[in-house]
Amino acid sequence: MRADVTGFEAGLSSSVSQRRRPRRLSLVFSELARVSTERVTMGDIRDALGDRSFAALLVLFGAFNLIPLPPGASAVLGIPLLVVAAQMTFGARRAWLPAFVAKKSLSAEQFRALIERVVPHLTRLEQYVRPRYWPFWRRRGDRIIGLIALLLAVIVTLPIPLGNWLPAFSITLLGLALTERDGVLFGIASLVGVASIAVVTFVIGAAGMATQAFLGWLI
């Protein structure tokens, strides 16, 4: 009997734990896309994500920048990343978007199309994400991740061909790591961020050297 009770208590504890665990972001985004019937603004997305808005917005806007889009789109989609990351760095409790960003909108069809492209990749990533080895105490992790994301978001907005993919991927991983308190993923995301900075630095340096050589040839 005691074994049965112990097993029941363990099952109950597991069930309660599962109920308290936040839903995966892929499910949250899919539900948001499903119920959208009119134009979807950035403010609507922020409000729908509630108290998970910081990490979720990093994931969402980071993932949008991974999708092949027309030239110049990263400059537009990078602005919300800059705003959100800056607020995280300074310890804001809830994401705020300036009016010109909050009012930016997509049609319900456009939003669903974007989400349908993002969610399958996000679902695959989420299979490997879980709470483990989180190195930060309370909200300190939010500020550190915000600072890293802010630096990478600056790179995302730069007009460098294919230069925004790696930093956007790093930001997406950082948001996922923060959502689940996954220290292993945080380490991987940080390494990807360092690699992206190295790549962009190399590209800018090579372009500068090529320009200098060309000007020297002309003169």
Protein backbone atom coordinates (compact mmCIF):
# COMPACT_ATOMS: atom_id res chain seq x y z
CA MET A 1 0.00 0.00 0.00
CA ARG A 2 2.79 2.40 0.90
CA ALA A 3 4.41 1.73 -2.46
CA ASP A 4 1.12 2.52 -4.19
CA VAL A 5 0.77 5.77 -2.25
CA THR A 6 4.35 6.71 -3.02
CA GLY A 7 3.80 6.01 -6.68
CA PHE A 8 0.59 8.04 -6.68
CA GLU A 9 2.32 10.99 -4.98
CA ALA A 10 5.15 10.84 -7.47
CA GLY A 11 2.68 10.79 -10.35
CA LEU A 12 0.71 13.67 -8.85
CA SER A 13 3.88 15.69 -8.35
CA SER A 14 4.91 15.00 -11.94
CA SER A 15 1.46 15.98 -13.20
CA VAL A 16 1.48 19.24 -11.23
CA SER A 17 4.98 19.99 -12.49
CA GLN A 18 3.88 19.42 -16.06
CA ARG A 19 0.85 21.65 -15.60
CA ARG A 20 2.94 24.46 -14.16
CA ARG A 21 5.55 24.29 -16.88
CA PRO A 22 4.97 27.02 -19.48
CA ARG A 23 3.76 25.91 -22.87
CA ARG A 24 6.34 25.60 -25.60
CA LEU A 25 6.73 28.75 -27.65
CA SER A 26 5.96 26.82 -30.84
CA LEU A 27 2.48 26.09 -29.43
CA VAL A 28 2.02 29.70 -28.30
CA PHE A 29 2.96 31.06 -31.73
CA SER A 30 0.80 28.48 -33.53
CA GLU A 31 -2.20 29.38 -31.38
CA LEU A 32 -1.62 33.08 -31.94
CA ALA A 33 -1.55 32.55 -35.70
CA ARG A 34 -4.65 30.33 -35.58
CA VAL A 35 -6.85 32.88 -33.80
CA SER A 36 -5.68 35.84 -35.90
CA THR A 37 -8.46 37.00 -38.21
CA GLU A 38 -7.46 40.60 -38.93
CA ARG A 39 -4.20 42.51 -39.20
CA VAL A 40 -1.66 41.60 -36.53
CA THR A 41 0.41 44.40 -35.05
CA MET A 42 3.69 44.08 -33.15
CA GLY A 43 1.78 45.39 -30.14
CA ASP A 44 -0.78 42.59 -30.47
CA ILE A 45 2.02 40.02 -30.45
CA ARG A 46 3.62 41.62 -27.40
CA ASP A 47 0.32 41.66 -25.50
CA ALA A 48 -0.52 38.06 -26.43
CA LEU A 49 2.80 36.80 -25.06
CA GLY A 50 2.17 38.39 -21.66
CA ASP A 51 4.86 37.94 -18.99
CA ARG A 52 6.92 35.77 -21.35
CA SER A 53 7.24 38.65 -23.78
CA PHE A 54 10.99 39.33 -23.55
CA ALA A 55 12.30 35.84 -24.29
CA ALA A 56 9.45 35.08 -26.69
CA LEU A 57 9.97 38.29 -28.67
CA LEU A 58 13.68 37.52 -28.98
CA VAL A 59 12.79 34.10 -30.38
CA LEU A 60 10.07 35.42 -32.70
CA PHE A 61 11.92 38.40 -34.20
CA GLY A 62 15.17 36.47 -34.29
CA ALA A 63 13.44 33.67 -36.20
CA PHE A 64 11.83 36.14 -38.63
CA ASN A 65 15.32 37.35 -39.54
CA LEU A 66 16.33 33.78 -40.41
CA ILE A 67 13.76 33.64 -43.20
CA PRO A 68 14.91 34.81 -46.66
CA LEU A 69 13.26 38.20 -47.07
CA PRO A 70 13.65 41.15 -49.48
CA PRO A 71 16.81 43.28 -49.07
CA GLY A 72 16.44 45.80 -46.27
CA ALA A 73 13.90 43.73 -44.32
CA SER A 74 16.45 42.95 -41.61
CA ALA A 75 16.80 46.66 -40.88
CA VAL A 76 13.05 46.82 -40.16
CA LEU A 77 12.80 43.55 -38.23
CA GLY A 78 16.01 44.33 -36.38
CA ILE A 79 14.54 47.44 -34.74
CA PRO A 80 12.18 45.48 -32.42
CA LEU A 81 15.14 43.29 -31.44
CA LEU A 82 17.14 46.39 -30.53
CA VAL A 83 14.26 47.82 -28.48
CA VAL A 84 13.53 44.58 -26.62
CA ALA A 85 17.18 43.76 -25.93
CA ALA A 86 17.88 47.29 -24.64
CA GLN A 87 14.98 47.04 -22.19
CA MET A 88 16.21 43.66 -20.96
CA THR A 89 19.68 45.14 -20.43
CA PHE A 90 18.25 47.91 -18.23
CA GLY A 91 16.05 45.53 -16.22
CA ALA A 92 12.58 46.39 -17.51
CA ARG A 93 9.81 44.14 -16.20
CA ARG A 94 7.64 44.13 -19.30
CA ALA A 95 8.42 44.68 -22.94
CA TRP A 96 7.50 48.10 -24.29
CA LEU A 97 7.47 48.98 -27.96
CA PRO A 98 7.47 52.54 -29.29
CA ALA A 99 4.31 53.47 -31.15
CA PHE A 100 5.88 53.37 -34.62
CA VAL A 101 7.01 49.79 -33.94
CA ALA A 102 3.90 48.63 -32.05
CA LYS A 103 1.65 49.78 -34.90
CA LYS A 104 3.60 47.93 -37.59
CA SER A 105 1.32 45.18 -38.82
CA LEU A 106 0.94 42.19 -41.07
CA SER A 107 -2.21 40.75 -42.52
CA ALA A 108 -3.47 37.61 -40.80
CA GLU A 109 -2.47 35.61 -43.90
CA GLN A 110 1.07 37.05 -43.93
CA PHE A 111 1.48 36.42 -40.22
CA ARG A 112 0.27 32.83 -40.52
CA ALA A 113 2.62 32.24 -43.46
CA LEU A 114 5.58 33.47 -41.42
CA ILE A 115 4.61 31.41 -38.38
CA GLU A 116 4.14 28.30 -40.53
CA ARG A 117 7.73 28.70 -41.73
CA VAL A 118 9.12 29.34 -38.26
CA VAL A 119 7.27 26.78 -36.13
CA PRO A 120 8.61 23.54 -37.70
CA HIS A 121 12.21 24.65 -37.11
CA LEU A 122 11.35 25.91 -33.63
CA THR A 123 9.66 22.61 -32.76
CA ARG A 124 12.79 20.68 -33.73
CA LEU A 125 14.94 22.93 -31.57
CA GLU A 126 12.59 22.62 -28.60
CA GLN A 127 13.08 18.85 -28.53
CA TYR A 128 16.59 19.45 -27.17
CA VAL A 129 15.80 22.33 -24.81
CA ARG A 130 15.12 21.75 -21.10
CA PRO A 131 15.92 23.36 -17.73
CA ARG A 132 19.56 22.51 -16.85
CA TYR A 133 22.75 24.11 -15.55
CA TRP A 134 21.33 27.63 -15.55
CA PRO A 135 24.23 29.83 -14.36
CA PHE A 136 22.27 32.93 -13.33
CA TRP A 137 20.39 33.92 -10.20
CA ARG A 138 16.90 35.31 -10.64
CA ARG A 139 16.77 38.16 -13.21
CA ARG A 140 20.49 38.55 -13.70
CA GLY A 141 20.30 36.23 -16.69
CA ASP A 142 17.76 38.52 -18.35
CA ARG A 143 20.18 41.45 -18.23
CA ILE A 144 23.18 39.50 -19.46
CA ILE A 145 21.23 37.90 -22.30
CA GLY A 146 19.75 41.31 -23.10
CA LEU A 147 23.22 42.82 -23.39
CA ILE A 148 24.44 40.03 -25.69
CA ALA A 149 21.27 40.24 -27.77
CA LEU A 150 21.63 44.03 -28.03
CA LEU A 151 25.10 43.74 -29.52
CA LEU A 152 23.94 41.06 -31.96
CA ALA A 153 20.79 43.03 -32.87
CA VAL A 154 23.00 45.94 -33.97
CA ILE A 155 24.74 43.55 -36.36
CA VAL A 156 21.39 42.25 -37.63
CA THR A 157 20.40 45.75 -38.72
CA LEU A 158 23.64 46.37 -40.63
CA PRO A 159 23.36 46.18 -44.44
CA ILE A 160 25.78 43.26 -44.78
CA PRO A 161 24.79 40.59 -47.33
CA LEU A 162 23.98 37.37 -45.41
CA GLY A 163 25.57 38.98 -42.35
CA ASN A 164 22.41 38.93 -40.28
CA TRP A 165 21.74 35.16 -40.31
CA LEU A 166 24.22 34.00 -37.66
CA PRO A 167 23.52 36.81 -35.16
CA ALA A 168 19.76 36.32 -35.64
CA PHE A 169 20.20 32.59 -35.04
CA SER A 170 22.19 33.32 -31.88
CA ILE A 171 19.46 35.66 -30.62
CA THR A 172 16.82 32.99 -31.29
CA LEU A 173 18.83 30.44 -29.30
CA LEU A 174 19.35 32.94 -26.47
CA GLY A 175 15.61 33.54 -26.25
CA LEU A 176 14.93 29.81 -26.13
CA ALA A 177 17.61 29.32 -23.48
CA LEU A 178 16.04 32.05 -21.34
CA THR A 179 12.57 30.60 -21.75
CA GLU A 180 13.57 27.16 -20.45
CA ARG A 181 16.56 28.22 -18.27
CA ASP A 182 18.82 25.97 -20.34
CA GLY A 183 22.46 26.69 -19.49
CA VAL A 184 23.79 24.34 -22.16
CA LEU A 185 21.84 26.12 -24.88
CA PHE A 186 22.98 29.47 -23.47
CA GLY A 187 26.58 28.35 -23.95
CA ILE A 188 25.92 27.21 -27.52
CA ALA A 189 24.09 30.46 -28.32
CA SER A 190 26.99 32.48 -26.94
CA LEU A 191 29.47 30.58 -29.10
CA VAL A 192 27.31 31.17 -32.17
CA GLY A 193 27.20 34.86 -31.24
CA VAL A 194 31.00 35.04 -31.00
CA ALA A 195 31.29 33.27 -34.37
CA SER A 196 28.84 35.72 -35.95
CA ILE A 197 30.81 38.70 -34.67
CA ALA A 198 34.01 37.15 -36.05
CA VAL A 199 32.40 36.56 -39.45
CA VAL A 200 31.00 40.09 -39.69
CA THR A 201 34.34 41.57 -38.58
CA PHE A 202 36.11 39.56 -41.27
CA VAL A 203 33.61 40.61 -43.96
CA ILE A 204 33.88 44.29 -43.03
CA GLY A 205 37.67 44.06 -42.86
CA ALA A 206 37.90 42.32 -46.22
CA ALA A 207 35.56 44.87 -47.80
CA GLY A 208 37.64 47.70 -46.37
CA MET A 209 40.86 46.20 -47.70
CA ALA A 210 39.31 45.62 -51.13
CA THR A 211 38.03 49.21 -51.25
CA GLN A 212 41.43 50.56 -50.21
CA ALA A 213 43.17 48.46 -52.87
CA PHE A 214 40.71 49.62 -55.53
CA LEU A 215 41.16 53.27 -54.62
CA GLY A 216 44.93 52.78 -54.63
CA TRP A 217 44.70 51.29 -58.12
CA LEU A 218 42.62 54.23 -59.34
CA ILE A 219 45.04 56.76 -57.92
